[in-house]
């Protein structure tokens, strides 16, 4: 396979990842269907691993790594900001997993 094809496949994969995240977020927020949203997140992660594409930071910190739920503040996660460490701590209320995200300067 030529290098140009690999680059094109990675572009298509990153587009699909963005589309799947948007659909998963809309399903969870709009319809409240957590199972379908979780399925979209799993597909998104499989595509990311298969084509070796990094997830964008907005998507990476918007999904629980343990239970694959889309994280929406006030619905299924709590966010605390720690000023001294300059991080935000997101806790999934579904599985109680905690994730650290750096604060932007």
Protein backbone atom coordinates (compact mmCIF):
# COMPACT_ATOMS: atom_id res chain seq x y z
CA UNK A 1 0.00 0.00 0.00
CA UNK A 2 1.39 3.40 -0.94
CA UNK A 3 2.08 6.06 1.66
CA UNK A 4 -0.52 8.36 0.16
CA UNK A 5 -3.19 5.69 0.68
CA UNK A 6 -2.21 5.31 4.34
CA UNK A 7 -2.48 9.06 4.86
CA UNK A 8 -5.87 9.12 3.17
CA UNK A 9 -7.08 6.20 5.30
CA UNK A 10 -5.99 8.00 8.46
CA UNK A 11 -7.86 11.15 7.38
CA UNK A 12 -11.01 9.15 6.72
CA UNK A 13 -10.63 7.37 10.07
CA UNK A 14 -10.26 10.67 11.95
CA UNK A 15 -13.37 12.03 10.20
CA UNK A 16 -15.33 8.92 11.17
CA UNK A 17 -14.14 9.23 14.76
CA UNK A 18 -15.46 12.81 14.92
CA UNK A 19 -18.77 11.81 13.37
CA UNK A 20 -19.22 8.85 15.73
CA UNK A 21 -18.48 11.02 18.77
CA UNK A 22 -21.05 13.59 17.64
CA UNK A 23 -23.67 10.90 17.12
CA UNK A 24 -22.88 9.28 20.49
CA UNK A 25 -23.14 12.61 22.30
CA UNK A 26 -26.44 13.46 20.58
CA UNK A 27 -27.85 10.03 21.40
CA UNK A 28 -26.92 10.31 25.05
CA UNK A 29 -28.02 13.92 25.56
CA UNK A 30 -31.02 14.01 23.25
CA UNK A 31 -32.57 10.56 23.42
CA UNK A 32 -30.98 9.34 26.64
CA UNK A 33 -30.00 6.07 24.99
CA UNK A 34 -26.80 5.12 26.81
CA UNK A 35 -26.45 1.69 25.19
CA UNK A 36 -26.38 3.07 21.66
CA UNK A 37 -24.02 5.87 22.68
CA UNK A 38 -21.69 3.32 24.28
CA UNK A 39 -21.75 1.25 21.10
CA UNK A 40 -20.71 4.29 19.05
CA UNK A 41 -17.86 5.01 21.48
CA UNK A 42 -16.62 1.41 21.21
CA UNK A 43 -16.65 1.64 17.41
CA UNK A 44 -14.82 4.95 17.61
CA UNK A 45 -12.08 3.42 19.78
CA UNK A 46 -11.74 0.38 17.50
CA UNK A 47 -11.27 2.61 14.46
CA UNK A 48 -8.73 4.69 16.36
CA UNK A 49 -6.68 1.65 17.37
CA UNK A 50 -6.91 -0.08 13.98
CA UNK A 51 -5.69 2.90 11.96
CA UNK A 52 -3.36 4.18 14.73
CA UNK A 53 -5.05 7.57 14.90
CA UNK A 54 -4.86 9.57 18.12
CA UNK A 55 -8.14 10.74 19.58
CA UNK A 56 -8.50 14.53 19.77
CA UNK A 57 -8.24 15.90 23.30
CA UNK A 58 -11.89 16.98 23.39
CA UNK A 59 -12.97 13.42 22.60
CA UNK A 60 -10.32 11.78 24.79
CA UNK A 61 -11.43 13.65 27.89
CA UNK A 62 -15.13 13.42 26.96
CA UNK A 63 -15.35 9.64 27.21
CA UNK A 64 -14.88 7.37 30.22
CA UNK A 65 -12.02 4.96 29.62
CA UNK A 66 -13.43 2.29 31.91
CA UNK A 67 -17.11 2.02 30.92
CA UNK A 68 -17.11 3.84 27.52
CA UNK A 69 -19.82 6.32 28.54
CA UNK A 70 -19.99 9.74 26.97
CA UNK A 71 -19.28 12.17 29.81
CA UNK A 72 -21.72 15.07 30.14
CA UNK A 73 -21.22 17.41 33.08
CA UNK A 74 -24.20 17.42 35.39
CA UNK A 75 -25.69 14.22 33.94
CA UNK A 76 -23.22 11.42 34.49
CA UNK A 77 -19.97 12.98 35.71
CA UNK A 78 -18.65 15.44 38.23
CA UNK A 79 -15.74 17.78 37.58
CA UNK A 80 -13.46 19.25 40.25
CA UNK A 81 -10.72 21.77 39.52
CA UNK A 82 -7.55 21.55 41.58
CA UNK A 83 -5.74 24.86 41.36
CA UNK A 84 -2.42 23.84 42.88
CA UNK A 85 -1.94 20.89 40.56
CA UNK A 86 -3.52 22.73 37.61
CA UNK A 87 -5.72 19.79 36.64
CA UNK A 88 -9.40 19.01 36.46
CA UNK A 89 -10.54 15.72 37.96
CA UNK A 90 -13.50 14.14 36.18
CA UNK A 91 -15.35 11.35 37.98
CA UNK A 92 -17.75 9.10 36.09
CA UNK A 93 -20.85 8.48 38.20
CA UNK A 94 -21.56 5.22 36.36
CA UNK A 95 -18.35 3.36 37.32
CA UNK A 96 -16.61 5.83 39.69
CA UNK A 97 -13.51 6.02 37.50
CA UNK A 98 -11.48 9.21 37.81
CA UNK A 99 -9.61 10.92 34.99
CA UNK A 100 -7.15 13.79 35.20
CA UNK A 101 -7.10 16.44 32.49
CA UNK A 102 -4.62 19.31 32.39
CA UNK A 103 -5.99 22.81 32.57
CA UNK A 104 -5.16 25.00 29.63
CA UNK A 105 -3.14 28.13 30.46
